[in-house]
Amino acid sequence: MAEIELREVPLFSEMDETEVAGIRAIMDEIKFKPDQIIIREGEIGALFYVLTEGTVQVTIANADGEQIVLQEIEPGGFFGELSMLTNEARSAQVRALTDVTVLALERQEFFGFLNKKPSAAIDVLIELGGRLHTMDGVLHRMVSRNVNEVDAENLTLGQRIADTVASTMGSWPFIIVQSTLLACWITLNATAWINHWDPYPFILLNLMLSFQAAYAAPFIMMSQNRQSSKDRIAAEIDHQVNQKAELEVGLLMQRMNDLEREVAENQRELKEMLKK
């Protein structure tokens, strides 16, 4: 990769040619074979990599130790920058899918370069801020969806009408209004206050109620069928939540194991110091 081509990498895209040439001078070229591990999850990383050739795969281990693919990075991409800057354990594993060539940057050299080039440091902060903002958006999208919101987004006009009819007919106001109308109908036709338009046995009333029942049943059935679809969406979301929870628990357990090993090592070092 030529010096000017390094500017195509988002992290260095805002640097001028002099800054790019300076940072390229302190980067080492490293090659990896297919299936070779470039970064191991949990290790302390002091290098930042810019991919110049080939494809790498970023994975993370779940609770069962299986590797879940997060993304694949093509030439021009970069990885390992956050762990390099924070000096914390790697949060994912990076494996070469093909013959890979990377430019590696060591922490102290990078910090020294940023100290000499404050404008480059600002560019790096801008790019990292953008990446963190993007990751925040990804995390928000990964948050469990509300089944009611998902269902409402997919409702058709017919389904909305069916739900409205079913909810209305299944309410106390509907029962009270209908009972009042039936009572008035029967009373007016059973007494001599006005002309009888539907005398006993109220054949017209029975016909109207039959029509109502004939149309109400399909509306209610459509609403119930849609409720079954809603239950399936809820089950799918629950399954996704369980998978996320399993992954998080696995990561927490791994982190606890790392902390336990660190504590044990510190205790052993302390005992050796006390003996001396």
Protein backbone atom coordinates (compact mmCIF):
# COMPACT_ATOMS: atom_id res chain seq x y z
CA MET A 1 0.00 0.00 0.00
CA ALA A 2 1.42 3.35 -1.01
CA GLU A 3 1.61 6.12 1.55
CA ILE A 4 -1.19 8.14 -0.03
CA GLU A 5 -3.41 5.00 -0.17
CA LEU A 6 -3.28 4.84 3.60
CA ARG A 7 -5.58 7.86 3.60
CA GLU A 8 -8.33 5.62 2.22
CA VAL A 9 -8.50 4.01 5.67
CA PRO A 10 -11.26 5.85 7.60
CA LEU A 11 -9.05 6.32 10.67
CA PHE A 12 -6.49 8.29 8.64
CA SER A 13 -8.79 9.85 6.05
CA GLU A 14 -8.61 13.35 7.59
CA MET A 15 -4.80 13.45 7.80
CA ASP A 16 -2.67 15.33 5.29
CA GLU A 17 0.04 13.66 3.21
CA THR A 18 2.82 14.54 5.66
CA GLU A 19 0.97 12.99 8.60
CA VAL A 20 0.13 9.87 6.60
CA ALA A 21 3.76 9.47 5.53
CA GLY A 22 4.88 9.85 9.13
CA ILE A 23 2.55 7.21 10.49
CA ARG A 24 3.32 4.82 7.61
CA ALA A 25 7.02 5.02 8.51
CA ILE A 26 6.38 3.53 11.98
CA MET A 27 4.09 0.72 10.78
CA ASP A 28 5.39 -2.82 10.20
CA GLU A 29 4.09 -5.10 7.47
CA ILE A 30 3.00 -8.56 8.69
CA LYS A 31 1.65 -11.48 6.66
CA PHE A 32 -0.72 -14.23 7.81
CA LYS A 33 -1.76 -17.53 6.25
CA PRO A 34 -5.41 -18.69 5.86
CA ASP A 35 -7.01 -19.78 9.18
CA GLN A 36 -4.19 -18.20 11.15
CA ILE A 37 -5.31 -16.33 14.26
CA ILE A 38 -4.29 -12.68 14.20
CA ILE A 39 -5.96 -11.60 17.46
CA ARG A 40 -7.08 -13.92 20.24
CA GLU A 41 -10.02 -13.03 22.44
CA GLY A 42 -8.95 -12.16 25.98
CA GLU A 43 -5.29 -11.43 25.24
CA ILE A 44 -3.78 -8.04 25.95
CA GLY A 45 -3.18 -6.27 22.66
CA ALA A 46 -0.52 -3.68 21.96
CA LEU A 47 -0.92 -3.60 18.18
CA PHE A 48 -3.35 -1.93 15.84
CA TYR A 49 -3.81 -3.45 12.37
CA VAL A 50 -4.68 -1.96 8.99
CA LEU A 51 -5.71 -4.58 6.45
CA THR A 52 -4.04 -4.08 3.07
CA GLU A 53 -4.65 -7.46 1.44
CA GLY A 54 -7.03 -10.39 1.98
CA THR A 55 -10.05 -10.85 4.24
CA VAL A 56 -10.31 -11.42 7.98
CA GLN A 57 -13.21 -12.62 10.09
CA VAL A 58 -14.13 -11.17 13.49
CA THR A 59 -15.78 -13.63 15.89
CA ILE A 60 -16.74 -13.82 19.53
CA ALA A 61 -17.23 -16.89 21.72
CA ASN A 62 -20.64 -17.70 23.19
CA ALA A 63 -21.36 -19.55 26.44
CA ASP A 64 -20.67 -22.94 24.78
CA GLY A 65 -17.34 -21.79 23.38
CA GLU A 66 -18.66 -21.61 19.81
CA GLN A 67 -17.43 -18.74 17.67
CA ILE A 68 -20.16 -16.35 16.49
CA VAL A 69 -19.28 -14.33 13.40
CA LEU A 70 -19.60 -10.58 13.94
CA GLN A 71 -18.22 -9.24 10.65
CA GLU A 72 -15.72 -9.75 7.86
CA ILE A 73 -13.20 -7.01 7.12
CA GLU A 74 -11.92 -6.29 3.62
CA PRO A 75 -8.78 -4.39 2.50
CA GLY A 76 -8.84 -0.81 3.75
CA GLY A 77 -10.46 -1.83 7.02
CA PHE A 78 -8.76 -1.84 10.41
CA PHE A 79 -9.15 -3.62 13.73
CA GLY A 80 -7.66 -3.81 17.22
CA GLU A 81 -7.56 -0.04 17.73
CA LEU A 82 -9.61 0.19 20.95
CA SER A 83 -7.69 -2.52 22.77
CA MET A 84 -4.43 -0.97 21.60
CA LEU A 85 -5.43 2.45 22.91
CA THR A 86 -6.94 1.29 26.23
CA ASN A 87 -4.45 -1.55 26.93
CA GLU A 88 -7.35 -3.85 27.82
CA ALA A 89 -8.01 -7.45 26.83
CA ARG A 90 -9.21 -8.10 23.30
CA SER A 91 -12.99 -8.48 23.16
CA ALA A 92 -13.07 -10.58 19.98
CA GLN A 93 -11.03 -12.99 17.88
CA VAL A 94 -9.75 -12.10 14.40
CA ARG A 95 -8.88 -14.91 11.98
CA ALA A 96 -7.43 -14.74 8.47
CA LEU A 97 -9.77 -16.19 5.84
CA THR A 98 -7.23 -15.82 3.00
CA ASP A 99 -3.61 -14.81 2.65
CA VAL A 100 -3.55 -11.58 4.61
CA THR A 101 -1.20 -8.62 4.73
CA VAL A 102 -1.56 -6.03 7.46
CA LEU A 103 0.25 -2.94 8.64
CA ALA A 104 0.79 -3.14 12.40
CA LEU A 105 1.23 -0.14 14.65
CA GLU A 106 2.63 -0.45 18.18
CA ARG A 107 1.06 1.51 21.03
CA GLN A 108 4.04 3.56 22.18
CA GLU A 109 5.03 4.52 18.63
CA PHE A 110 1.46 5.56 17.90
CA PHE A 111 1.26 7.64 21.08
CA GLY A 112 4.58 9.26 20.25
CA PHE A 113 3.35 10.13 16.78
CA LEU A 114 0.14 11.65 18.18
CA ASN A 115 2.15 13.72 20.66
CA LYS A 116 4.12 15.18 17.77
CA LYS A 117 1.04 15.62 15.57
CA PRO A 118 -1.83 17.11 17.63
CA SER A 119 -3.94 17.56 14.51
CA ALA A 120 -3.58 13.84 13.76
CA ALA A 121 -4.71 13.07 17.31
CA ILE A 122 -7.84 15.14 16.73
CA ASP A 123 -8.49 13.24 13.49
CA VAL A 124 -8.14 9.94 15.33
CA LEU A 125 -10.55 11.07 18.05
CA ILE A 126 -13.08 12.15 15.43
CA GLU A 127 -12.93 8.81 13.66
CA LEU A 128 -13.10 6.77 16.87
CA GLY A 129 -16.02 8.89 18.03
CA GLY A 130 -17.83 8.12 14.79
CA ARG A 131 -17.17 4.40 15.18
CA LEU A 132 -18.42 4.43 18.77
CA HIS A 133 -21.53 6.29 17.64
CA THR A 134 -22.12 3.66 14.95
CA MET A 135 -21.62 0.86 17.48
CA ASP A 136 -24.07 2.57 19.83
CA GLY A 137 -26.65 2.51 17.04
CA VAL A 138 -25.97 -1.19 16.49
CA LEU A 139 -26.47 -1.89 20.18
CA HIS A 140 -29.75 0.02 20.17
CA ARG A 141 -30.95 -2.07 17.23
CA MET A 142 -29.90 -5.20 19.07
CA VAL A 143 -32.07 -4.33 22.05
CA SER A 144 -35.10 -6.57 22.27
CA ARG A 145 -38.00 -5.30 20.22
CA ASN A 146 -41.44 -4.61 21.65
CA VAL A 147 -43.76 -7.25 20.21
CA ASN A 148 -46.67 -4.78 20.17
CA GLU A 149 -44.64 -2.28 18.11
CA VAL A 150 -43.51 -4.99 15.68
CA ASP A 151 -47.08 -6.21 15.29
CA ALA A 152 -48.47 -2.70 14.81
CA GLU A 153 -45.95 -2.01 12.03
CA ASN A 154 -47.21 -5.01 10.03
CA LEU A 155 -50.95 -4.41 10.46
CA THR A 156 -53.04 -4.10 7.28
CA LEU A 157 -56.22 -2.04 7.00
CA GLY A 158 -58.39 -5.18 7.18
CA GLN A 159 -56.59 -6.37 10.31
CA ARG A 160 -57.03 -3.00 11.97
CA ILE A 161 -60.78 -3.08 11.20
CA ALA A 162 -61.06 -6.65 12.52
CA ASP A 163 -59.27 -5.69 15.76
CA THR A 164 -61.46 -2.61 16.20
CA VAL A 165 -64.68 -4.59 15.69
CA ALA A 166 -63.56 -7.42 17.98
CA SER A 167 -62.42 -5.08 20.74
CA THR A 168 -65.63 -3.02 20.49
CA MET A 169 -67.97 -6.03 20.60
CA GLY A 170 -66.05 -7.44 23.54
CA SER A 171 -66.51 -4.37 25.73
CA TRP A 172 -69.06 -3.37 28.36
CA PRO A 173 -70.15 -0.19 26.50
CA PHE A 174 -71.20 -2.34 23.53
CA ILE A 175 -73.15 -4.73 25.75
CA ILE A 176 -74.87 -1.87 27.59
CA VAL A 177 -75.80 0.00 24.38
CA GLN A 178 -77.05 -3.15 22.65
CA SER A 179 -79.04 -4.26 25.70
CA THR A 180 -80.65 -0.82 25.91
CA LEU A 181 -81.59 -0.87 22.20
CA LEU A 182 -83.03 -4.39 22.48
CA ALA A 183 -85.05 -3.44 25.55
CA CYS A 184 -86.48 -0.37 23.79
CA TRP A 185 -87.26 -2.39 20.63
CA ILE A 186 -89.13 -5.09 22.54
CA THR A 187 -90.95 -2.61 24.80
CA LEU A 188 -92.14 -0.42 21.91
CA ASN A 189 -93.39 -3.43 19.95
CA ALA A 190 -94.99 -5.11 22.94
CA THR A 191 -96.99 -2.05 24.07
CA ALA A 192 -99.51 0.07 22.22
CA TRP A 193 -97.60 3.34 22.38
CA ILE A 194 -96.86 3.38 18.65
CA ASN A 195 -97.59 1.18 15.65
CA HIS A 196 -96.06 -2.30 15.87
CA TRP A 197 -93.37 -2.60 13.11
CA ASP A 198 -92.02 -5.89 14.53
CA PRO A 199 -94.67 -7.66 16.59
CA TYR A 200 -94.02 -10.73 18.70
CA PRO A 201 -92.04 -13.03 18.12
CA PHE A 202 -89.88 -10.16 16.82
CA ILE A 203 -88.84 -11.78 13.55
CA LEU A 204 -87.12 -8.63 12.22
CA LEU A 205 -85.11 -8.29 15.43
CA ASN A 206 -84.00 -11.93 15.21
CA LEU A 207 -83.00 -11.40 11.57
CA MET A 208 -80.90 -8.36 12.46
CA LEU A 209 -79.22 -10.21 15.34
CA SER A 210 -78.48 -13.13 13.02
CA PHE A 211 -76.86 -10.77 10.53
CA GLN A 212 -74.82 -9.26 13.35
CA ALA A 213 -73.65 -12.68 14.55
CA ALA A 214 -72.85 -13.80 10.99
CA TYR A 215 -70.52 -10.84 10.43
CA ALA A 216 -69.16 -10.65 13.96
CA ALA A 217 -67.85 -14.24 13.94
CA PRO A 218 -65.45 -13.73 10.97
CA PHE A 219 -64.17 -10.46 12.45
CA ILE A 220 -63.46 -12.19 15.76
CA MET A 221 -61.79 -15.14 14.02
CA MET A 222 -59.54 -12.78 12.01
CA SER A 223 -58.54 -11.00 15.20
CA GLN A 224 -57.77 -14.32 16.91
CA ASN A 225 -55.70 -15.50 13.94
CA ARG A 226 -53.70 -12.29 14.09
CA GLN A 227 -53.20 -12.86 17.81
CA SER A 228 -51.66 -16.24 16.97
CA SER A 229 -49.27 -14.49 14.59
CA LYS A 230 -48.45 -12.01 17.34
CA ASP A 231 -47.70 -14.90 19.71
CA ARG A 232 -45.26 -16.33 17.16
CA ILE A 233 -43.48 -12.97 16.94
CA ALA A 234 -43.29 -12.85 20.74
CA ALA A 235 -41.80 -16.36 20.82
CA GLU A 236 -39.19 -15.35 18.22
CA ILE A 237 -38.23 -12.26 20.20
CA ASP A 238 -38.00 -14.31 23.41
CA HIS A 239 -35.66 -16.71 21.62
CA GLN A 240 -33.45 -13.81 20.51
CA VAL A 241 -33.41 -12.45 24.07
CA ASN A 242 -32.36 -15.85 25.39
CA GLN A 243 -29.53 -16.05 22.87
CA LYS A 244 -28.29 -12.59 23.82
CA ALA A 245 -28.53 -13.39 27.52
CA GLU A 246 -26.62 -16.63 26.99
CA LEU A 247 -23.87 -14.79 25.14
CA GLU A 248 -23.63 -12.09 27.82
CA VAL A 249 -23.49 -14.68 30.62
CA GLY A 250 -20.75 -16.52 28.78
CA LEU A 251 -18.74 -13.31 28.40
CA LEU A 252 -19.23 -12.48 32.08
CA MET A 253 -18.10 -15.96 33.11
CA GLN A 254 -15.04 -15.64 30.91
CA ARG A 255 -14.27 -12.25 32.42
CA MET A 256 -14.70 -13.66 35.94
CA ASN A 257 -12.29 -16.48 35.10
CA ASP A 258 -9.76 -13.95 33.84
CA LEU A 259 -10.10 -11.91 37.02
CA GLU A 260 -9.74 -15.04 39.13
CA ARG A 261 -6.51 -15.94 37.34
CA GLU A 262 -5.19 -12.41 37.77
CA VAL A 263 -5.98 -12.49 41.51
CA ALA A 264 -4.28 -15.87 41.87
CA GLU A 265 -1.18 -14.59 40.07
CA ASN A 266 -1.09 -11.47 42.23
CA GLN A 267 -1.38 -13.56 45.38
CA ARG A 268 1.45 -15.83 44.22
CA GLU A 269 3.66 -12.85 43.44
CA LEU A 270 2.85 -11.33 46.83
CA LYS A 271 3.79 -14.57 48.63
CA GLU A 272 7.09 -14.71 46.77
CA MET A 273 7.82 -11.11 47.72
CA LEU A 274 7.03 -11.86 51.38
CA LYS A 275 9.35 -14.86 51.35
CA LYS A 276 12.18 -12.75 49.98
